[in-house]
Protein backbone atom coordinates (compact mmCIF):
# COMPACT_ATOMS: atom_id res chain seq x y z
CA MET A 1 9.05 -8.46 35.48
CA THR A 2 5.37 -9.12 36.14
CA SER A 3 4.13 -11.52 33.46
CA TYR A 4 0.44 -11.20 34.28
CA ALA A 5 -0.37 -7.70 35.43
CA GLN A 6 -4.12 -7.23 35.64
CA LYS A 7 -6.09 -4.37 37.16
CA HIS A 8 -3.59 -1.50 37.17
CA ASP A 9 -6.08 0.64 35.22
CA TYR A 10 -9.07 0.13 37.54
CA THR A 11 -8.99 3.56 39.24
CA TRP A 12 -9.29 6.76 37.18
CA LEU A 13 -8.89 10.23 38.66
CA SER A 14 -10.35 13.53 37.55
CA GLY A 15 -11.65 16.82 38.92
CA TYR A 16 -12.05 20.46 38.10
CA GLU A 17 -8.91 22.60 37.80
CA GLY A 18 -7.30 21.61 41.04
CA ILE A 19 -10.40 21.24 43.24
CA GLN A 20 -13.09 18.64 43.90
CA ILE A 21 -10.99 15.64 42.88
CA PHE A 22 -12.74 12.28 42.54
CA SER A 23 -11.95 8.74 41.44
CA LEU A 24 -13.86 6.41 39.16
CA ASP A 25 -13.49 2.89 40.58
CA PHE A 26 -14.06 -0.12 38.30
CA ALA A 27 -14.01 -2.66 41.13
CA GLN A 28 -17.66 -3.19 40.19
CA PHE A 29 -19.74 -2.58 37.08
CA PRO A 30 -21.01 0.06 36.64
CA PRO A 31 -18.08 1.89 38.25
CA ILE A 32 -18.58 3.99 41.37
CA PHE A 33 -17.37 7.50 42.21
CA LYS A 34 -15.38 8.36 45.31
CA LYS A 35 -14.44 11.87 46.40
CA MET A 36 -10.75 12.23 47.27
CA ASN A 37 -9.22 14.23 50.08
CA THR A 38 -6.12 15.41 48.25
CA SER A 39 -4.24 18.65 47.75
CA MET A 40 -3.26 17.65 44.21
CA GLY A 41 -5.08 19.23 41.28
CA PHE A 42 -5.51 17.90 37.75
CA ILE A 43 -5.80 19.88 34.55
CA SER A 44 -3.97 18.34 31.59
CA THR A 45 -1.46 15.78 32.90
CA ASN A 46 -2.92 12.77 34.66
CA LEU A 47 -1.54 9.43 35.84
CA SER A 48 -3.20 7.09 38.32
CA MET A 49 -1.91 3.58 38.99
CA SER A 50 -3.48 0.70 40.90
CA ASP A 51 -1.96 -2.55 42.12
CA LYS A 52 -2.75 -5.81 40.34
CA GLU A 53 -5.93 -6.19 42.41
CA GLY A 54 -7.23 -2.76 41.37
CA ASN A 55 -6.44 -0.80 44.56
CA LEU A 56 -5.09 2.71 44.01
CA LEU A 57 -1.32 2.88 44.61
CA PHE A 58 -0.17 6.31 43.42
CA TYR A 59 -1.12 9.20 41.17
CA SER A 60 0.47 12.26 39.58
CA ASN A 61 -0.39 15.51 37.79
CA GLY A 62 3.06 15.89 36.24
CA CYS A 63 4.31 18.11 39.08
CA LYS A 64 4.62 15.57 41.92
CA ILE A 65 3.48 12.07 42.89
CA HIS A 66 1.13 11.11 45.75
CA ASN A 67 0.49 7.69 47.26
CA ALA A 68 -2.95 6.25 47.98
CA GLN A 69 -2.86 7.92 51.41
CA ASN A 70 -2.76 11.28 49.54
CA LYS A 71 0.74 12.03 50.80
CA VAL A 72 3.64 13.20 48.66
CA ILE A 73 5.99 10.27 48.00
CA GLN A 74 9.58 10.73 49.17
CA GLY A 75 11.74 11.94 46.28
CA ALA A 76 8.68 12.78 44.16
CA GLU A 77 8.03 16.22 45.64
CA GLN A 78 9.06 17.70 42.31
CA ILE A 79 9.23 15.92 38.93
CA ASN A 80 9.60 17.17 35.35
CA ASN A 81 12.15 19.65 36.68
CA GLY A 82 12.90 22.48 34.30
CA TYR A 83 11.01 25.04 32.24
CA TRP A 84 7.66 23.25 32.24
CA HIS A 85 7.64 22.59 35.97
CA ASN A 86 8.77 26.13 36.82
CA GLU A 87 6.11 27.66 34.55
CA GLN A 88 3.13 25.54 35.54
CA CYS A 89 3.46 23.82 38.89
CA PRO A 90 3.96 26.82 41.22
CA LEU A 91 1.22 28.73 39.38
CA THR A 92 -1.60 26.20 39.23
CA GLY A 93 -0.43 23.25 41.29
CA ALA A 94 -1.14 21.12 38.23
CA GLY A 95 0.26 20.70 34.73
CA SER A 96 -2.00 22.67 32.43
CA TYR A 97 -0.36 22.73 29.01
CA TRP A 98 -2.55 20.83 26.54
CA GLU A 99 0.58 19.59 24.78
CA MET A 100 1.20 17.45 27.88
CA GLU A 101 -2.03 15.45 27.77
CA ARG A 102 -1.62 11.67 28.01
CA SER A 103 2.12 12.19 28.40
CA MET A 104 2.64 9.93 31.47
CA PHE A 105 2.20 6.20 31.91
CA ALA A 106 3.56 3.50 34.22
CA ILE A 107 4.72 -0.07 33.68
CA PRO A 108 4.91 -2.53 36.60
CA ALA A 109 8.28 -4.27 36.78
CA SER A 110 7.25 -6.20 39.92
CA ASP A 111 4.61 -5.95 42.65
CA ASN A 112 6.45 -2.95 44.11
CA LEU A 113 8.63 -1.48 41.32
CA TYR A 114 7.10 0.85 38.70
CA TYR A 115 8.76 2.48 35.71
CA ILE A 116 7.12 5.86 34.98
CA PHE A 117 7.64 7.33 31.52
CA HIS A 118 6.88 11.01 31.05
CA ILE A 119 7.59 13.91 28.71
CA ARG A 120 8.81 17.34 29.79
CA LEU A 121 7.86 20.37 27.75
CA GLU A 122 10.85 22.64 27.21
CA GLU A 123 11.04 26.37 26.56
CA GLY A 124 9.39 27.36 23.29
CA LEU A 125 6.75 24.65 23.78
CA VAL A 126 8.17 22.56 20.93
CA MET A 127 11.25 20.73 22.16
CA LYS A 128 10.34 17.90 24.51
CA THR A 129 12.42 15.51 26.62
CA PHE A 130 11.43 11.88 27.21
CA LEU A 131 12.12 10.98 30.83
CA LEU A 132 12.13 7.93 33.10
CA SER A 133 11.40 7.88 36.82
CA VAL A 134 11.35 4.71 38.91
CA LEU A 135 9.12 4.27 41.95
CA ASP A 136 9.57 1.64 44.65
CA MET A 137 6.30 1.26 46.58
CA LYS A 138 7.85 -1.14 49.10
CA GLN A 139 9.99 1.62 50.59
CA ASN A 140 8.98 3.59 53.69
CA GLY A 141 6.63 0.91 54.95
CA GLY A 142 4.59 0.93 51.75
CA ALA A 143 4.40 4.72 51.42
CA GLY A 144 6.84 4.55 48.50
CA LYS A 145 10.05 6.24 47.41
CA LEU A 146 11.13 7.61 44.03
CA ILE A 147 14.52 5.99 43.46
CA VAL A 148 15.14 7.42 39.96
CA ARG A 149 13.89 10.87 38.93
CA ASP A 150 13.79 12.55 35.53
CA SER A 151 16.40 10.34 33.86
CA VAL A 152 16.74 11.61 30.25
CA LEU A 153 15.99 9.02 27.55
CA VAL A 154 15.57 11.15 24.40
CA ASN A 155 16.12 14.84 23.66
CA ALA A 156 14.23 15.87 20.51
CA ASP A 157 11.03 17.40 19.21
CA LEU A 158 8.82 14.48 20.25
CA GLN A 159 5.31 13.17 20.11
CA VAL A 160 3.99 11.35 23.19
CA GLY A 161 4.95 7.75 23.94
CA SER A 162 3.01 4.56 24.56
CA ALA A 163 3.70 0.93 25.49
CA ASN A 164 2.86 -2.55 24.25
CA ARG A 165 3.53 -6.01 25.64
CA HIS A 166 6.31 -7.96 23.91
CA ALA A 167 5.13 -11.15 22.23
CA ASN A 168 7.00 -13.16 24.89
CA GLY A 169 4.33 -12.09 27.40
CA ARG A 170 6.78 -10.57 29.88
CA ASP A 171 8.70 -7.62 28.46
CA TRP A 172 7.39 -4.25 27.27
CA TRP A 173 8.01 -2.18 24.15
CA ILE A 174 7.99 1.61 24.60
CA LEU A 175 7.59 3.60 21.40
CA LEU A 176 7.43 7.28 20.49
CA ALA A 177 7.87 9.36 17.36
CA ASN A 178 9.97 12.33 16.38
CA ASN A 179 7.66 15.24 15.55
CA GLU A 180 9.82 16.66 12.75
CA LYS A 181 10.34 13.63 10.50
CA GLY A 182 9.53 9.98 10.00
CA LEU A 183 11.67 8.67 12.84
CA PHE A 184 10.64 6.46 15.76
CA TYR A 185 12.46 5.61 19.00
CA ARG A 186 11.82 2.29 20.71
CA PHE A 187 12.91 0.85 24.04
CA LEU A 188 12.52 -2.58 25.58
CA LEU A 189 11.85 -3.00 29.30
CA THR A 190 13.06 -6.38 30.62
CA PRO A 191 13.98 -7.76 34.07
CA ALA A 192 17.52 -6.54 33.33
CA GLY A 193 16.28 -2.97 32.95
CA LEU A 194 15.54 -0.59 30.08
CA GLN A 195 17.32 -1.24 26.76
CA GLY A 196 17.57 1.13 23.80
CA PRO A 197 16.78 3.41 22.15
CA TRP A 198 16.78 1.85 18.71
CA GLN A 199 15.59 3.95 15.79
CA GLN A 200 13.35 3.18 12.82
CA GLU A 201 12.77 5.43 9.83
CA ILE A 202 9.25 5.20 8.39
CA ALA A 203 6.91 7.90 7.09
CA ASN A 204 4.72 9.67 9.63
CA PRO A 205 2.32 12.24 8.12
CA THR A 206 1.37 13.54 11.60
CA ALA A 207 4.95 14.81 12.13
CA GLN A 208 4.72 18.44 11.04
CA LYS A 209 7.50 20.38 12.84
CA ALA A 210 4.85 22.13 14.94
CA PHE A 211 3.07 21.73 18.26
CA PHE A 212 2.02 18.15 18.86
CA TYR A 213 -1.17 19.72 20.10
CA ARG A 214 -3.58 17.50 22.06
CA GLY A 215 -2.37 14.46 20.18
CA TRP A 216 -1.43 11.04 21.40
CA SER A 217 -0.45 7.55 20.39
CA GLN A 218 -1.72 4.17 21.48
CA PHE A 219 -1.61 0.50 20.60
CA SER A 220 -4.70 -1.54 19.90
CA PRO A 221 -5.72 -3.82 22.80
CA ASP A 222 -4.44 -6.90 20.93
CA GLY A 223 -1.10 -5.16 20.26
CA ARG A 224 -1.42 -5.50 16.48
CA TYR A 225 -1.84 -1.82 15.54
CA TYR A 226 -0.04 1.39 16.51
CA ILE A 227 -1.97 4.63 15.99
CA ILE A 228 -0.99 8.29 16.24
CA HIS A 229 -3.67 10.94 16.40
CA GLN A 230 -2.87 14.64 15.94
CA THR A 231 -5.74 17.11 16.06
CA ALA A 232 -4.60 19.25 13.13
CA HIS A 233 -2.70 16.69 11.04
CA GLY A 234 -4.76 13.52 10.99
CA VAL A 235 -4.22 9.90 12.02
CA SER A 236 -1.39 7.50 11.16
CA VAL A 237 -2.14 3.77 11.48
CA TYR A 238 0.62 1.13 11.41
CA ASP A 239 0.95 -2.60 11.84
CA PHE A 240 3.22 -3.46 14.78
CA ASP A 241 5.46 -6.50 15.18
CA ARG A 242 5.40 -7.51 18.82
CA CYS A 243 8.50 -9.66 18.36
CA ASN A 244 10.94 -7.06 17.02
CA GLY A 245 9.09 -3.81 17.84
CA THR A 246 8.98 -2.44 14.29
CA LEU A 247 6.26 -0.66 12.33
CA SER A 248 4.98 -1.33 8.81
CA ASN A 249 2.02 -0.84 6.45
CA LEU A 250 1.20 2.84 7.04
CA ARG A 251 -2.39 3.96 6.45
CA TYR A 252 -3.29 7.62 6.83
CA LEU A 253 -6.52 9.46 7.64
CA PRO A 254 -6.02 13.14 6.83
CA ARG A 255 -7.50 16.11 8.60
CA TYR A 256 -11.27 15.87 8.40
CA PRO A 257 -12.60 17.74 5.33
CA THR A 258 -15.19 19.84 7.20
CA GLU A 259 -12.81 21.08 9.89
CA LEU A 260 -12.83 24.78 10.75
CA ARG A 261 -11.05 24.55 14.10
CA PRO A 262 -9.37 21.13 14.16
CA LEU A 263 -7.57 21.86 17.42
CA PHE A 264 -10.70 20.82 19.31
CA ASN A 265 -10.77 17.28 17.92
CA PHE A 266 -8.72 15.46 20.55
CA GLY A 267 -10.77 12.29 20.94
CA MET A 268 -9.66 8.91 19.57
CA THR A 269 -9.56 5.31 20.75
CA ILE A 270 -9.88 1.69 19.61
CA SER A 271 -12.62 -0.84 20.38
CA PRO A 272 -11.84 -3.57 22.95
CA ASP A 273 -11.72 -6.23 20.20
CA SER A 274 -9.23 -4.06 18.22
CA ARG A 275 -11.53 -3.98 15.18
CA TYR A 276 -12.78 -0.38 15.13
CA LEU A 277 -11.13 3.02 15.38
CA TYR A 278 -13.24 5.83 16.88
CA ARG A 279 -12.42 9.48 16.17
CA ALA A 280 -13.96 12.82 17.21
CA VAL A 281 -14.19 15.21 14.25
CA ASN A 282 -16.10 18.23 12.95
CA GLU A 283 -15.07 20.45 15.87
CA SER A 284 -15.80 17.69 18.38
CA THR A 285 -19.49 17.44 17.43
CA ARG A 286 -19.25 14.16 15.52
CA ILE A 287 -17.91 10.67 16.15
CA VAL A 288 -16.87 8.52 13.20
CA GLN A 289 -15.94 4.84 13.16
CA TYR A 290 -13.41 3.09 10.89
CA ASP A 291 -12.89 -0.63 10.31
CA LEU A 292 -9.20 -1.42 10.87
CA LYS A 293 -9.59 -4.63 8.85
CA ALA A 294 -10.97 -2.82 5.79
CA SER A 295 -8.88 -2.85 2.62
CA ASN A 296 -9.43 0.92 2.38
CA LEU A 297 -9.48 2.45 5.83
CA GLY A 298 -10.82 5.85 4.81
CA ASN A 299 -13.71 4.37 2.83
CA SER A 300 -14.87 2.39 5.87
CA GLU A 301 -15.91 5.56 7.72
CA ILE A 302 -19.37 5.57 9.31
CA ILE A 303 -20.84 8.47 11.28
CA ILE A 304 -22.18 7.06 14.55
CA ALA A 305 -23.02 10.31 16.38
CA ASP A 306 -23.57 13.84 15.13
CA THR A 307 -24.80 16.40 17.63
CA MET A 308 -25.29 19.29 15.18
CA ALA A 309 -24.76 21.37 18.29
CA PRO A 310 -22.08 23.76 19.64
CA VAL A 311 -18.53 22.49 20.02
CA TYR A 312 -17.09 20.85 23.14
CA ARG A 313 -19.20 17.71 22.93
CA PHE A 314 -16.79 14.80 22.44
CA GLY A 315 -13.34 14.87 24.01
CA HIS A 316 -10.92 12.34 25.49
CA MET A 317 -11.96 8.76 24.80
CA HIS A 318 -10.94 5.90 27.09
CA THR A 319 -11.97 2.25 27.06
CA GLY A 320 -12.90 1.12 30.55
CA PRO A 321 -12.36 -2.32 32.06
CA ASP A 322 -16.11 -2.81 31.57
CA GLY A 323 -15.69 -2.65 27.78
CA LYS A 324 -17.43 0.71 27.33
CA ILE A 325 -15.79 3.78 25.83
CA TYR A 326 -16.00 6.81 28.13
CA ILE A 327 -15.95 10.21 26.42
CA TRP A 328 -14.94 13.21 28.52
CA PHE A 329 -14.69 16.91 27.93
CA SER A 330 -13.54 19.87 30.00
CA SER A 331 -15.80 21.92 32.27
CA ILE A 332 -18.80 19.59 32.11
CA ASP A 333 -20.35 17.31 34.73
CA TYR A 334 -21.18 14.26 32.67
CA ILE A 335 -19.59 11.60 30.45
CA ASN A 336 -20.93 10.32 27.13
CA THR A 337 -20.39 6.64 26.43
CA ILE A 338 -20.22 4.15 23.57
CA GLU A 339 -22.02 1.18 25.09
CA MET A 340 -21.20 -1.61 22.62
CA PRO A 341 -18.01 -0.47 20.83
CA ASN A 342 -17.32 -3.90 19.30
CA ARG A 343 -20.38 -3.45 17.06
CA ARG A 344 -20.39 -1.87 13.62
CA GLY A 345 -21.88 1.56 12.96
CA THR A 346 -24.72 2.98 15.02
CA GLU A 347 -25.22 -0.43 16.65
CA SER A 348 -22.26 0.56 18.82
CA GLY A 349 -24.71 2.67 20.81
CA VAL A 350 -23.53 6.20 21.58
CA ARG A 351 -25.30 7.28 24.76
CA PHE A 352 -25.37 10.98 25.57
CA GLN A 353 -24.76 12.18 29.14
CA SER A 354 -24.99 8.61 30.36
CA VAL A 355 -22.75 9.10 33.42
CA LYS A 356 -23.40 11.94 35.84
CA LEU A 357 -20.19 13.16 37.50
CA PRO A 358 -20.07 14.22 41.17
CA THR A 359 -18.58 17.56 40.13
CA TYR A 360 -17.43 19.40 37.04
CA SER A 361 -14.36 17.89 35.42
CA SER A 362 -11.36 19.13 33.50
CA GLY A 363 -11.56 15.90 31.54
CA SER A 364 -9.44 12.82 32.04
CA PRO A 365 -6.42 12.81 29.71
CA ILE A 366 -5.14 9.48 30.99
CA TYR A 367 -3.35 6.73 29.06
CA TYR A 368 -3.05 3.07 30.01
CA PRO A 369 -1.32 0.30 28.06
CA ASN A 370 -3.18 -3.01 27.93
CA TYR A 371 -1.93 -4.61 31.14
CA ARG A 372 -4.01 -7.73 30.40
CA LEU A 373 -2.29 -8.63 27.13
CA GLY A 374 -0.44 -11.94 27.27
CA PRO A 375 2.09 -13.63 24.99
CA LEU A 376 1.57 -14.17 21.28
CA ASP A 377 1.19 -17.94 21.48
CA HIS A 378 3.21 -20.00 18.96
CA SER A 379 5.00 -16.92 17.60
CA PRO A 380 8.79 -17.16 16.99
CA CYS A 381 9.45 -15.12 20.13
CA ASP A 382 7.08 -17.05 22.43
CA THR A 383 10.15 -18.48 24.16
CA LEU A 384 9.63 -18.00 27.90
CA GLY A 385 7.06 -20.70 28.56
CA ILE A 386 4.43 -18.14 29.58
CA ASP A 387 0.93 -19.27 28.58
CA ASN A 388 -2.28 -17.35 28.10
CA LEU A 389 -4.44 -18.59 30.98
CA PRO A 390 -7.89 -17.11 30.31
CA GLU A 391 -9.72 -15.19 33.03
CA ALA A 392 -13.49 -14.88 32.81
CA LEU A 393 -15.15 -11.47 33.07
CA TRP A 394 -18.52 -10.22 31.81
CA ARG A 395 -21.20 -7.60 32.21
CA HIS A 396 -24.93 -7.50 31.42
CA ASP A 397 -27.19 -4.75 30.10
CA LEU A 398 -30.86 -4.12 29.40
CA GLU A 399 -30.75 -2.43 25.98
CA ASP A 400 -34.50 -2.10 25.43
CA THR A 401 -36.76 -1.12 28.32
CA LEU A 402 -39.75 -2.36 26.31
CA GLN A 403 -38.29 -5.86 26.61
CA PRO A 404 -37.22 -6.10 30.26
CA LEU A 405 -36.67 -9.87 30.03
CA ARG A 406 -34.19 -9.53 27.15
CA VAL A 407 -30.65 -9.22 28.51
CA THR A 408 -27.44 -8.54 26.60
CA PHE A 409 -24.34 -10.28 27.97
CA THR A 410 -20.93 -8.88 26.99
CA ASP A 411 -17.80 -10.97 27.31
CA LEU A 412 -14.86 -9.04 28.80
CA SER A 413 -12.55 -12.01 29.38
CA TYR A 414 -8.86 -11.69 28.71
CA TYR A 415 -5.75 -13.78 28.04
CA GLU A 416 -7.03 -15.21 24.78
CA PRO A 417 -10.11 -17.34 25.49
CA ALA A 418 -11.03 -19.51 22.49
CA GLU A 419 -14.30 -21.01 23.72
CA TRP A 420 -17.25 -19.59 25.66
CA TYR A 421 -19.95 -21.46 27.56
CA TRP A 422 -22.78 -19.44 29.11
CA SER A 423 -25.30 -20.79 31.60
CA PHE A 424 -28.18 -18.34 32.12
CA GLY A 425 -29.60 -19.90 35.29
CA ASP A 426 -32.91 -20.88 33.68
CA GLY A 427 -31.81 -24.12 32.07
CA LYS A 428 -30.68 -22.41 28.86
CA PHE A 429 -27.15 -22.17 27.50
CA SER A 430 -25.11 -20.47 24.78
CA ARG A 431 -21.69 -20.83 23.17
CA ASP A 432 -21.74 -17.35 21.63
CA THR A 433 -19.08 -14.85 22.69
CA SER A 434 -21.55 -12.13 23.75
CA PRO A 435 -25.10 -13.54 23.57
CA VAL A 436 -28.51 -11.90 23.96
CA HIS A 437 -30.89 -14.00 26.06
CA THR A 438 -34.60 -13.60 26.73
CA TYR A 439 -35.93 -15.01 30.00
CA ALA A 440 -39.42 -16.46 30.30
CA ARG A 441 -40.21 -14.62 33.52
CA ALA A 442 -38.87 -12.05 35.95
CA GLY A 443 -36.65 -13.20 38.79
CA THR A 444 -33.12 -13.62 40.09
CA TYR A 445 -30.82 -15.89 38.12
CA GLU A 446 -27.33 -17.27 38.67
CA VAL A 447 -25.43 -16.64 35.42
CA CYS A 448 -22.09 -18.34 34.79
CA LEU A 449 -19.51 -17.92 32.05
CA VAL A 450 -16.83 -20.54 31.43
CA VAL A 451 -13.97 -19.53 29.13
CA LYS A 452 -11.22 -21.85 27.97
CA ASN A 453 -8.37 -22.30 25.54
CA GLU A 454 -5.73 -24.96 25.00
CA ASN A 455 -3.98 -23.96 28.24
CA ALA A 456 -6.69 -23.61 30.89
CA SER A 457 -10.25 -22.60 31.73
CA ASP A 458 -11.87 -20.16 34.14
CA THR A 459 -15.40 -19.55 35.45
CA LEU A 460 -17.19 -16.45 36.73
CA CYS A 461 -20.71 -16.67 38.21
CA ARG A 462 -22.90 -13.78 39.39
CA SER A 463 -26.54 -13.30 40.33
CA ILE A 464 -28.61 -10.89 38.27
CA ARG A 465 -32.17 -9.64 38.65
CA VAL A 466 -34.29 -9.73 35.50
CA GLY A 467 -37.64 -8.15 34.65
CA THR A 468 -37.27 -4.67 36.17
CA THR A 469 -38.25 -1.60 34.18
CA SER A 470 -34.85 0.05 33.91
CA ALA A 471 -31.34 -1.08 33.09
CA GLU A 472 -29.82 0.20 36.31
CA ASP A 473 -32.02 -2.14 38.35
CA LEU A 474 -30.15 -5.12 36.89
CA GLY A 475 -27.80 -5.94 39.72
CA ASN A 476 -27.36 -2.36 40.90
CA SER A 477 -30.67 -0.88 42.01
CA ARG A 478 -30.70 2.87 42.62
CA GLY A 479 -34.32 3.00 43.75
CA LYS A 480 -37.75 2.27 42.36
CA VAL A 481 -38.63 4.86 39.75
CA VAL A 482 -41.37 4.10 37.25
CA VAL A 483 -41.82 6.05 34.01
CA PHE A 484 -44.90 5.04 32.03
CA PRO A 485 -46.41 4.44 29.58
CA ASN A 486 -43.59 3.61 27.18
CA PRO A 487 -44.26 4.23 24.31
CA VAL A 488 -46.15 7.36 25.34
CA LEU A 489 -48.80 9.24 23.36
CA ASP A 490 -49.24 12.58 25.16
CA ILE A 491 -49.13 12.25 28.97
CA LEU A 492 -46.07 10.76 30.66
CA THR A 493 -46.36 9.69 34.29
CA VAL A 494 -43.41 9.55 36.69
CA GLN A 495 -43.82 7.71 39.98
CA ILE A 496 -41.00 7.71 42.53
CA ASN A 497 -41.13 5.07 45.25
CA THR A 498 -37.89 5.71 47.06
CA ALA A 499 -36.57 7.94 49.81
CA LEU A 500 -35.75 11.44 48.59
CA ASN A 501 -33.94 14.45 49.95
CA PRO A 502 -36.83 16.70 51.07
CA VAL A 503 -34.91 19.87 50.14
CA ALA A 504 -33.21 19.17 46.81
CA PRO A 505 -35.40 19.26 43.68
CA VAL A 506 -35.95 16.20 41.49
CA ILE A 507 -35.15 17.04 37.87
CA LEU A 508 -36.37 15.24 34.76
CA THR A 509 -34.41 15.88 31.55
CA LEU A 510 -35.40 14.58 28.12
CA TYR A 511 -32.77 14.40 25.37
CA ASN A 512 -33.11 13.62 21.68
CA LEU A 513 -30.71 11.23 19.97
CA THR A 514 -28.31 14.05 19.12
CA GLY A 515 -27.89 14.85 22.81
CA GLN A 516 -29.84 18.09 22.79
CA THR A 517 -32.14 18.87 25.71
CA VAL A 518 -35.77 18.76 24.60
CA LEU A 519 -37.44 19.09 28.00
CA ARG A 520 -36.22 19.90 31.50
CA LYS A 521 -38.73 19.89 34.35
CA GLU A 522 -38.69 19.94 38.11
CA LEU A 523 -40.87 17.25 39.72
CA PRO A 524 -42.35 18.74 42.92
CA THR A 525 -44.07 15.53 44.07
CA THR A 526 -43.40 11.80 43.90
CA GLN A 527 -46.03 11.34 41.19
CA GLU A 528 -46.21 13.76 38.27
CA SER A 529 -47.99 13.87 34.91
CA ILE A 530 -46.01 15.53 32.11
CA ASP A 531 -47.50 16.72 28.83
CA VAL A 532 -45.30 15.60 25.91
CA SER A 533 -47.95 16.09 23.21
CA ARG A 534 -46.02 18.93 21.57
CA ILE A 535 -42.81 16.93 21.27
CA ILE A 536 -42.37 15.26 17.89
CA THR A 537 -42.51 11.49 17.68
CA GLY A 538 -39.29 9.52 17.93
CA ASN A 539 -36.83 7.92 20.34
CA TYR A 540 -35.60 9.93 23.32
CA TYR A 541 -33.48 9.47 26.42
CA VAL A 542 -34.86 10.43 29.83
CA ARG A 543 -32.86 11.03 33.03
CA ILE A 544 -34.28 11.68 36.48
CA GLU A 545 -31.87 12.83 39.17
CA GLN A 546 -31.71 14.60 42.49
CA ASP A 547 -28.73 16.42 43.96
CA GLY A 548 -26.28 14.58 41.69
CA ARG A 549 -27.88 11.19 42.40
CA LEU A 550 -29.17 9.39 39.32
CA LEU A 551 -32.59 7.89 40.05
CA THR A 552 -33.23 6.40 36.62
CA ALA A 553 -32.12 6.68 33.00
CA LYS A 554 -33.80 4.97 30.09
CA THR A 555 -34.94 5.14 26.50
CA LEU A 556 -38.38 6.66 25.91
CA ILE A 557 -40.46 6.36 22.74
CA ILE A 558 -43.00 9.06 21.83
CA SER A 559 -45.44 7.55 19.35
CA ARG A 560 -48.74 8.71 17.85
């Protein structure tokens, strides 16, 4: 078994109903898009797996499995054999039942061996079968071979499964619930193979003897909590024992009181620090946050975004390796984000349409366990001598364009760092986890983060450029675009000092804080004056783009 898997979740795949497939690559922050030359389409079922260095290894839509060379892997020409495959795969080339979202995930057993867990929808759309397939990527000269296919683990009316690292730092728990009663099945993946299932009886209010429609389960990043979300039947939250794999201390969030069509509310995730639960409600037009450490979970609710707009706003939520939460929906060409999800309330920073996609997307119903979770040090089952050896990782952001010298640094380190030591490259230092630092002057600075615990230390240094007018110019310049003045009274000036496509129009879009478009204007020249005198005062978000290329995006204040 791999004791320290790392970047298996660094490549995400999406696209639009079987065409125009692209990847989102987190090898750098912010992530970059790459178009893929593949015959595979994605609709509802989605699995993409990278090696421990973050390079794409294989991917699947629930019908078959391709390798990184976009070729069908031997033995994986047809998976999920049965009713579901026969109904969906020949028709669309991709699994399209919404009940199958987030129903596949992979666990690395070694550098070449991967255990793939997946659920097959049976006739009647209620009975599901929990399956195991095993992929050996060393076979066929690295092209891979499926050596076990569709091995049946559980036959029952099931909810989807998820995985969590055992407290020994090596093995993996796999857990899923019966959808008719309070019954859970758990497995343990060890170097000797897959053990189980064992069963535990504990109440589960989301089990309703009906479609497990667009629901899913997941563990918190620290492995402490297990959460089930079901669009029509609420959220179950449990404590999880990483030593023995059992659940306890149920807390329940019922169906949201204002729901008219709860089947659209399929977004939920947990903050990187495992403190906050995020949930899409109110027909997908609102995001609420709960404090998992609160004595009364329901009473800790805070509304952090409310579009007051048509439905289909907030969908699948996934935490990226960069610590941001990415919020997808179907048939749109952008992603909303939560920029600082470890913060309480609106300080978490919901940002509307913050990522422009290269094409329309069917969403990204992916699920990844936390591959960077180590052992539970000093626990009774910390018996293998595996230590948490911290690895340093961080990102930086310009949160306020009116203060271009003020930089927010976010710690993304893993394997249990206990101490942080920041050097900002200007002679100043900090021991905060995620500090905010103001530089005296613009320039390029070498920033270093040292993380340590009782076992080891690690250092990551990078150069950043400070003092530019937009956040994207910090370490990842997309071109010189100046929007001024800011704040603006009545006339906004846009000056573009970068090479442009002479044919494609440059589009400026102004959004209010609810994500609604307030102004959309084509900019025919590289310097334009725009009258905003009839727009009410307040904070806005401006994007300027051309032919899918984002030129700038920033906060704009209209003040009189």
